[in-house]
C-alpha cells in the first residue's frame, strides 16, 4: 500500500442534480497523525446537451444503452481531466471519481454509479479510483453518505456538516462516534419545480420567496415514512416519486411548491440536529443549496440561536464533495478505511473503491 505523507489528487463529482462535472485539484498532507488539505484549482464543466440529457434519463435506458453511456461518460470525464491537468501543468498521483448515480437501492444490495473506470483511465492516462459505494452495500450498508470520514479527518472543528446537493445530508460527531445520514431531498425537487417556470434553478430562492405556504402539503410531506427511519438511511432519485405524488396532487403554483419545500427542508434539518450542552453548535453548510439565499435565511431562523452557521468560502461550498472524494481516493491508496459503519449501517468499516491503472 502507498503510505506516503503527501498526495496530489484530482477529485471528480457528478451529483444527482445534473449540474455538471466538478473537478478539484487538491493536495493532502499527513503530519503527526493529522490530515490537512489545500484546495488549489477547481472548476465545473457543464455537460454537453446530449450527455446531460442522457445522464438525467439514464435510469430509463435499456441495458445496452446504459452500458454504452457508462463507457462514453467515463471517456468524456477522462478527456476533461487530461485537458485540466495539461492546461495547468500539474503532476497528479491519481484521480478519484464519484461517478453519476443511476440506481441506488441498498435494500436490494444495489447501487450504480456510471463513468467507466477503465475508459476514464485510458482517456486521462492517470491512475483512477472509482466505485466507492458498492463494497459497503454488499456489507449490508447504505453505501452513503461517504463524505463523513472526510468531515471527521478534515473538518473536525465543525459540530455539524450539512451538504445541500440533490439530496440534503448531515454529518456529526456524537459521543465519539461519527453519525451521518440523508435528511431530505433538496435540489432534485427544487430544480424540478423551478424548471416549470423556465428556470434551471431557483436563483437566490427568489421564486420560493414569492410563493405562499401550502399547509396541507407541508403536513403530508412531514409525514412521509422516510422521516420515521432511525439511524442509517439514504435517498435516491427513485425515492422522489413519493414526494412528487404529494406535490403534484393538485395544480399548485410552482412558486408555492418551492416556498413549501423550503419550509419542509428547514424543518427536517432542524429535526436532524441537536443543540450542544455547553456551547453554540458550529455548522458548516456546503453544496449548491448554500447559495439559495431565501433557504439560508429560513434555515438560520429555524435553527435558532443555539446554532451558528459559519460562513464558508465559495470554493469550499462548491467543491467540498469533490475534495473529499479525492481524499477517499488517498485513503484507498493507503489501504485505510474510507467508509464508516456507524454512518452507513454496514457490518464493519471498510475501504471502498476500485483502482485502475496502478
Protein backbone atom coordinates (compact mmCIF):
# COMPACT_ATOMS: atom_id res chain seq x y z
CA UNK A 1 0.00 0.00 0.00
CA UNK A 2 1.01 3.60 -0.65
CA UNK A 3 1.96 5.09 2.74
CA UNK A 4 3.43 8.45 1.75
CA UNK A 5 2.61 11.55 3.75
CA UNK A 6 1.78 13.75 0.76
CA UNK A 7 -0.62 13.23 -2.16
CA UNK A 8 -1.61 15.34 -5.14
CA UNK A 9 -5.07 14.31 -6.29
CA UNK A 10 -7.91 15.23 -8.59
CA UNK A 11 -11.44 14.65 -7.30
CA UNK A 12 -14.42 14.34 -9.63
CA UNK A 13 -18.03 14.78 -8.58
CA UNK A 14 -21.13 14.38 -10.72
CA UNK A 15 -24.12 14.90 -8.44
CA UNK A 16 -27.72 13.83 -8.81
CA UNK A 17 -28.71 17.42 -9.67
CA UNK A 18 -27.01 17.03 -13.05
CA UNK A 19 -25.38 20.47 -12.96
CA UNK A 20 -22.07 19.38 -14.48
CA UNK A 21 -18.75 17.78 -13.57
CA UNK A 22 -16.88 19.26 -10.61
CA UNK A 23 -13.09 18.93 -10.87
CA UNK A 24 -10.92 19.76 -7.87
CA UNK A 25 -7.11 19.63 -7.67
CA UNK A 26 -6.02 19.23 -4.05
CA UNK A 27 -3.08 18.09 -2.03
CA UNK A 28 -3.24 16.28 1.29
CA UNK A 29 -0.59 16.19 3.98
CA UNK A 30 -0.29 13.80 6.92
CA UNK A 31 1.69 15.28 9.81
CA UNK A 32 1.87 13.74 13.29
CA UNK A 33 -1.24 11.70 12.63
CA UNK A 34 -3.34 14.66 11.44
CA UNK A 35 -4.51 15.33 7.90
CA UNK A 36 -4.64 18.74 6.27
CA UNK A 37 -5.69 19.79 2.79
CA UNK A 38 -5.26 22.56 0.25
CA UNK A 39 -7.80 23.13 -2.48
CA UNK A 40 -5.70 24.65 -5.26
CA UNK A 41 -7.64 24.65 -8.53
CA UNK A 42 -11.22 23.82 -9.36
CA UNK A 43 -13.88 24.28 -11.97
CA UNK A 44 -17.27 22.95 -13.01
CA UNK A 45 -17.57 21.76 -16.60
CA UNK A 46 -21.09 21.84 -17.99
CA UNK A 47 -22.22 18.62 -19.59
CA UNK A 48 -22.76 18.77 -23.36
CA UNK A 49 -26.50 18.94 -24.00
CA UNK A 50 -26.82 15.38 -25.28
CA UNK A 51 -24.76 13.97 -22.40
CA UNK A 52 -26.76 15.94 -19.82
CA UNK A 53 -30.00 14.60 -21.26
CA UNK A 54 -28.72 11.01 -21.26
CA UNK A 55 -27.48 11.26 -17.67
CA UNK A 56 -30.78 12.64 -16.41
CA UNK A 57 -32.66 9.86 -18.23
CA UNK A 58 -30.12 7.12 -17.50
CA UNK A 59 -32.49 5.24 -15.19
CA UNK A 60 -34.87 4.76 -18.14
CA UNK A 61 -32.30 3.45 -20.66
CA UNK A 62 -32.03 -0.13 -21.88
CA UNK A 63 -29.21 -2.26 -20.52
CA UNK A 64 -27.17 -1.84 -23.70
CA UNK A 65 -27.69 1.92 -23.90
CA UNK A 66 -26.81 2.31 -20.21
CA UNK A 67 -23.60 0.30 -20.74
CA UNK A 68 -22.67 2.49 -23.70
CA UNK A 69 -23.35 5.61 -21.64
CA UNK A 70 -21.16 4.22 -18.84
CA UNK A 71 -18.20 3.95 -21.23
CA UNK A 72 -18.78 7.22 -23.09
CA UNK A 73 -19.22 9.16 -19.85
CA UNK A 74 -16.02 7.68 -18.42
CA UNK A 75 -14.16 8.62 -21.60
CA UNK A 76 -15.59 12.16 -21.53
CA UNK A 77 -14.53 12.64 -17.90
CA UNK A 78 -11.05 11.37 -18.68
CA UNK A 79 -10.75 13.86 -21.54
CA UNK A 80 -11.77 16.71 -19.23
CA UNK A 81 -9.19 15.60 -16.65
CA UNK A 82 -6.44 15.40 -19.27
CA UNK A 83 -7.25 18.90 -20.53
CA UNK A 84 -7.45 20.24 -16.94
CA UNK A 85 -4.06 18.98 -15.73
CA UNK A 86 -2.45 19.77 -19.08
CA UNK A 87 -3.71 23.34 -19.03
CA UNK A 88 -2.38 23.89 -15.52
CA UNK A 89 0.76 21.73 -15.98
CA UNK A 90 0.01 19.63 -12.90
CA UNK A 91 1.65 16.49 -11.59
CA UNK A 92 -1.09 14.20 -10.28
CA UNK A 93 -0.85 10.98 -8.27
CA UNK A 94 -4.36 9.73 -9.04
CA UNK A 95 -7.93 10.65 -9.92
CA UNK A 96 -10.83 9.77 -7.60
CA UNK A 97 -14.24 9.78 -9.27
CA UNK A 98 -17.63 9.51 -7.63
CA UNK A 99 -19.39 8.76 -10.92
CA UNK A 100 -23.02 9.54 -11.72
CA UNK A 101 -25.61 7.68 -9.67
CA UNK A 102 -28.25 5.94 -11.75
CA UNK A 103 -29.72 3.46 -9.26
CA UNK A 104 -29.44 3.44 -5.50
CA UNK A 105 -31.41 0.63 -3.84
CA UNK A 106 -29.26 -0.62 -0.95
CA UNK A 107 -32.12 -2.76 0.39
CA UNK A 108 -31.58 -4.85 -2.77
CA UNK A 109 -27.77 -4.69 -2.45
CA UNK A 110 -27.71 -2.37 -5.47
CA UNK A 111 -26.03 0.94 -6.13
CA UNK A 112 -24.79 2.00 -9.55
CA UNK A 113 -22.56 4.94 -10.40
CA UNK A 114 -21.61 5.11 -14.07
CA UNK A 115 -18.43 6.58 -15.56
CA UNK A 116 -16.36 3.55 -16.51
CA UNK A 117 -13.03 3.43 -14.67
CA UNK A 118 -11.05 1.84 -17.49
CA UNK A 119 -12.40 4.35 -20.02
CA UNK A 120 -11.59 7.22 -17.68
CA UNK A 121 -8.09 5.88 -17.01
CA UNK A 122 -7.24 5.39 -20.68
CA UNK A 123 -8.55 8.83 -21.63
CA UNK A 124 -6.59 10.73 -18.97
CA UNK A 125 -3.53 8.49 -18.60
CA UNK A 126 -3.62 8.62 -14.78
CA UNK A 127 -4.46 6.03 -12.13
CA UNK A 128 -8.18 6.15 -11.31
CA UNK A 129 -10.22 5.11 -8.26
CA UNK A 130 -14.00 4.82 -8.55
CA UNK A 131 -16.96 2.64 -7.45
CA UNK A 132 -16.63 3.75 -3.83
CA UNK A 133 -20.10 2.62 -2.71
CA UNK A 134 -20.59 -1.00 -3.76
CA UNK A 135 -18.43 -2.74 -1.14
CA UNK A 136 -20.32 -1.06 1.68
CA UNK A 137 -23.67 -2.02 0.14
CA UNK A 138 -22.53 -5.65 -0.08
CA UNK A 139 -21.65 -5.44 3.62
CA UNK A 140 -25.26 -4.53 4.35
CA UNK A 141 -24.73 -0.76 4.43
CA UNK A 142 -26.42 2.10 2.65
CA UNK A 143 -23.27 2.91 0.67
CA UNK A 144 -23.99 6.52 1.65
CA UNK A 145 -23.13 9.03 2.75
CA UNK A 146 -19.40 8.62 2.15
CA UNK A 147 -18.29 12.17 2.94
CA UNK A 148 -18.35 11.80 6.78
CA UNK A 149 -14.86 10.25 7.05
CA UNK A 150 -13.58 13.43 5.37
CA UNK A 151 -15.70 15.55 7.71
CA UNK A 152 -14.09 13.81 10.67
CA UNK A 153 -10.48 13.98 9.46
CA UNK A 154 -10.50 17.30 7.56
CA UNK A 155 -13.34 19.38 9.07
CA UNK A 156 -13.38 18.24 12.68
CA UNK A 157 -13.72 21.80 14.02
CA UNK A 158 -17.39 21.84 12.96
CA UNK A 159 -20.11 20.21 15.03
CA UNK A 160 -22.38 19.69 12.02
CA UNK A 161 -21.50 19.45 8.34
CA UNK A 162 -24.58 19.84 6.15
CA UNK A 163 -24.46 19.35 2.40
CA UNK A 164 -27.24 20.70 0.22
CA UNK A 165 -26.92 18.98 -3.15
CA UNK A 166 -29.52 16.94 -4.99
CA UNK A 167 -30.13 15.41 -1.56
CA UNK A 168 -29.52 17.12 1.79
CA UNK A 169 -27.42 15.21 4.30
CA UNK A 170 -25.76 15.81 7.64
CA UNK A 171 -22.61 14.54 9.35
CA UNK A 172 -21.85 14.91 13.08
CA UNK A 173 -19.75 13.51 15.90
CA UNK A 174 -21.78 12.18 18.83
CA UNK A 175 -20.16 10.64 21.90
CA UNK A 176 -17.03 9.91 19.88
CA UNK A 177 -18.96 8.23 17.07
CA UNK A 178 -19.39 9.73 13.60
CA UNK A 179 -23.05 9.69 12.56
CA UNK A 180 -24.45 10.78 9.21
CA UNK A 181 -27.49 10.25 7.04
CA UNK A 182 -29.55 11.74 4.26
CA UNK A 183 -32.07 14.20 5.68
CA UNK A 184 -34.42 15.02 2.82
CA UNK A 185 -34.44 15.80 -0.89
CA UNK A 186 -33.07 19.17 -1.89
CA UNK A 187 -32.14 20.42 -5.36
CA UNK A 188 -33.61 17.35 -7.06
CA UNK A 189 -37.07 18.73 -6.28
CA UNK A 190 -36.27 22.45 -6.19
CA UNK A 191 -34.74 22.34 -9.67
CA UNK A 192 -37.63 20.29 -10.99
CA UNK A 193 -40.23 22.86 -9.97
CA UNK A 194 -38.05 25.81 -10.96
CA UNK A 195 -37.96 24.15 -14.38
CA UNK A 196 -41.73 24.56 -14.64
CA UNK A 197 -41.08 28.32 -14.59
CA UNK A 198 -38.45 28.02 -17.31
CA UNK A 199 -35.51 28.23 -14.89
CA UNK A 200 -32.62 25.78 -14.48
CA UNK A 201 -32.76 26.52 -10.74
CA UNK A 202 -34.36 29.00 -8.35
CA UNK A 203 -31.67 31.69 -8.24
CA UNK A 204 -31.26 33.07 -4.69
CA UNK A 205 -34.56 31.35 -3.83
CA UNK A 206 -36.49 34.26 -5.36
CA UNK A 207 -39.28 32.07 -6.72
CA UNK A 208 -39.71 30.39 -3.34
CA UNK A 209 -39.67 33.78 -1.61
CA UNK A 210 -42.52 34.96 -3.83
CA UNK A 211 -44.65 31.90 -3.10
CA UNK A 212 -47.09 31.06 -0.34
CA UNK A 213 -47.16 28.14 2.06
CA UNK A 214 -49.49 25.25 1.25
CA UNK A 215 -50.20 23.97 4.81
CA UNK A 216 -51.81 20.66 3.84
CA UNK A 217 -48.88 19.81 1.55
CA UNK A 218 -46.36 20.67 4.25
CA UNK A 219 -48.18 18.37 6.66
CA UNK A 220 -48.22 15.50 4.16
CA UNK A 221 -44.53 15.93 3.36
CA UNK A 222 -43.58 15.81 7.02
CA UNK A 223 -45.49 12.53 7.39
CA UNK A 224 -43.52 10.67 4.70
CA UNK A 225 -42.34 7.38 6.20
CA UNK A 226 -38.68 8.00 5.40
CA UNK A 227 -38.61 10.50 8.28
CA UNK A 228 -39.59 7.80 10.77
CA UNK A 229 -36.49 5.72 10.00
CA UNK A 230 -33.90 5.96 12.75
CA UNK A 231 -30.17 5.52 12.17
CA UNK A 232 -28.53 4.96 8.79
CA UNK A 233 -30.72 5.94 5.85
CA UNK A 234 -30.28 7.31 2.35
CA UNK A 235 -32.36 8.67 -0.51
CA UNK A 236 -32.04 8.17 -4.26
CA UNK A 237 -33.73 9.50 -7.35
CA UNK A 238 -36.15 6.57 -7.15
CA UNK A 239 -37.48 7.91 -3.85
CA UNK A 240 -38.66 11.19 -5.34
CA UNK A 241 -41.91 9.66 -6.58
CA UNK A 242 -43.44 9.66 -3.10
CA UNK A 243 -42.71 13.38 -2.80
CA UNK A 244 -43.94 14.17 -6.31
CA UNK A 245 -47.19 12.31 -5.66
CA UNK A 246 -47.96 14.85 -2.93
CA UNK A 247 -46.62 17.91 -4.73
CA UNK A 248 -48.43 17.16 -7.97
CA UNK A 249 -51.70 16.01 -6.44
CA UNK A 250 -53.30 19.31 -7.43
CA UNK A 251 -52.35 22.09 -9.84
CA UNK A 252 -50.34 24.07 -7.31
CA UNK A 253 -48.31 27.06 -8.49
CA UNK A 254 -44.60 26.15 -8.78
CA UNK A 255 -43.58 29.10 -6.58
CA UNK A 256 -45.96 27.93 -3.84
CA UNK A 257 -44.49 24.42 -4.04
CA UNK A 258 -40.96 25.87 -3.81
CA UNK A 259 -41.93 28.00 -0.81
CA UNK A 260 -43.44 24.96 0.90
CA UNK A 261 -40.42 22.77 0.13
CA UNK A 262 -38.10 25.37 1.68
CA UNK A 263 -40.14 25.29 4.88
CA UNK A 264 -40.22 21.49 4.81
CA UNK A 265 -36.47 21.18 4.32
CA UNK A 266 -35.64 23.63 7.11
CA UNK A 267 -37.96 21.77 9.48
CA UNK A 268 -36.41 18.38 8.68
CA UNK A 269 -32.86 19.72 9.07
CA UNK A 270 -33.79 21.18 12.48
CA UNK A 271 -35.14 17.74 13.45
CA UNK A 272 -31.83 16.14 12.46
CA UNK A 273 -29.54 18.19 14.70
CA UNK A 274 -29.49 18.89 18.40
CA UNK A 275 -28.10 21.80 20.44
CA UNK A 276 -24.87 21.32 22.35
CA UNK A 277 -24.99 21.40 26.14
CA UNK A 278 -22.25 23.93 26.83
CA UNK A 279 -21.66 25.91 23.66
CA UNK A 280 -23.18 27.10 20.42
CA UNK A 281 -23.04 24.43 17.71
CA UNK A 282 -20.88 25.37 14.73
CA UNK A 283 -22.48 24.43 11.41
CA UNK A 284 -20.79 24.20 8.01
CA UNK A 285 -23.21 24.34 5.06
CA UNK A 286 -21.92 23.46 1.59
CA UNK A 287 -23.33 22.37 -1.75
CA UNK A 288 -25.30 24.35 -4.30
CA UNK A 289 -28.18 24.91 -1.89
CA UNK A 290 -25.94 27.13 0.24
CA UNK A 291 -26.37 29.80 -2.47
CA UNK A 292 -30.15 29.74 -2.06
CA UNK A 293 -30.35 32.92 0.00
CA UNK A 294 -34.00 32.53 0.90
CA UNK A 295 -33.49 28.99 2.14
CA UNK A 296 -30.45 30.00 4.18
CA UNK A 297 -32.48 32.78 5.83
CA UNK A 298 -35.23 30.33 6.73
CA UNK A 299 -32.74 27.72 7.95
CA UNK A 300 -30.94 30.20 10.21
CA UNK A 301 -34.26 31.33 11.67
CA UNK A 302 -35.47 27.75 12.12
CA UNK A 303 -32.27 26.54 13.81
CA UNK A 304 -32.30 29.42 16.27
CA UNK A 305 -29.58 30.88 18.45
CA UNK A 306 -28.18 27.55 19.63
CA UNK A 307 -26.61 27.11 16.18
CA UNK A 308 -24.13 29.28 14.28
CA UNK A 309 -23.78 28.82 10.54
CA UNK A 310 -20.12 29.55 9.83
CA UNK A 311 -19.58 31.35 6.50
CA UNK A 312 -17.62 29.18 4.07
CA UNK A 313 -15.60 30.31 1.04
CA UNK A 314 -17.36 29.86 -2.28
CA UNK A 315 -14.72 27.37 -3.39
CA UNK A 316 -15.46 25.09 -0.43
CA UNK A 317 -19.23 25.42 -0.87
CA UNK A 318 -18.92 24.33 -4.48
CA UNK A 319 -16.15 21.75 -4.29
CA UNK A 320 -16.18 20.16 -0.83
CA UNK A 321 -17.59 16.89 -2.14
CA UNK A 322 -15.04 16.68 -4.97
CA UNK A 323 -12.31 17.49 -2.43
CA UNK A 324 -13.45 14.74 -0.08
CA UNK A 325 -13.74 12.16 -2.85
CA UNK A 326 -10.14 12.97 -3.70
CA UNK A 327 -9.37 12.27 -0.03
CA UNK A 328 -11.31 8.99 -0.14
CA UNK A 329 -9.02 8.08 -3.02
CA UNK A 330 -5.99 8.79 -0.83
CA UNK A 331 -7.32 6.51 1.90
CA UNK A 332 -8.00 3.80 -0.70
CA UNK A 333 -4.42 4.05 -1.99
CA UNK A 334 -3.20 3.68 1.60
CA UNK A 335 -5.48 0.69 2.24
CA UNK A 336 -7.21 2.55 5.08
CA UNK A 337 -10.91 2.60 5.86
CA UNK A 338 -12.78 5.30 3.97
CA UNK A 339 -16.32 4.27 4.88
CA UNK A 340 -17.73 4.12 8.42
CA UNK A 341 -20.24 1.50 9.53
CA UNK A 342 -21.66 3.89 12.12
CA UNK A 343 -22.74 6.07 9.20
CA UNK A 344 -23.90 3.51 6.64
CA UNK A 345 -25.10 0.64 8.83
CA UNK A 346 -22.68 -1.86 7.25
CA UNK A 347 -21.33 -4.80 9.23
CA UNK A 348 -17.92 -3.13 9.56
CA UNK A 349 -15.80 -0.16 8.49
CA UNK A 350 -14.40 -0.74 5.03
CA UNK A 351 -12.05 0.54 2.33
CA UNK A 352 -14.14 1.03 -0.80
CA UNK A 353 -13.06 1.85 -4.32
CA UNK A 354 -11.72 0.03 -7.37
CA UNK A 355 -8.28 1.08 -8.64
CA UNK A 356 -7.46 1.24 -12.35
CA UNK A 357 -4.00 1.72 -13.84
CA UNK A 358 -1.71 1.04 -10.88
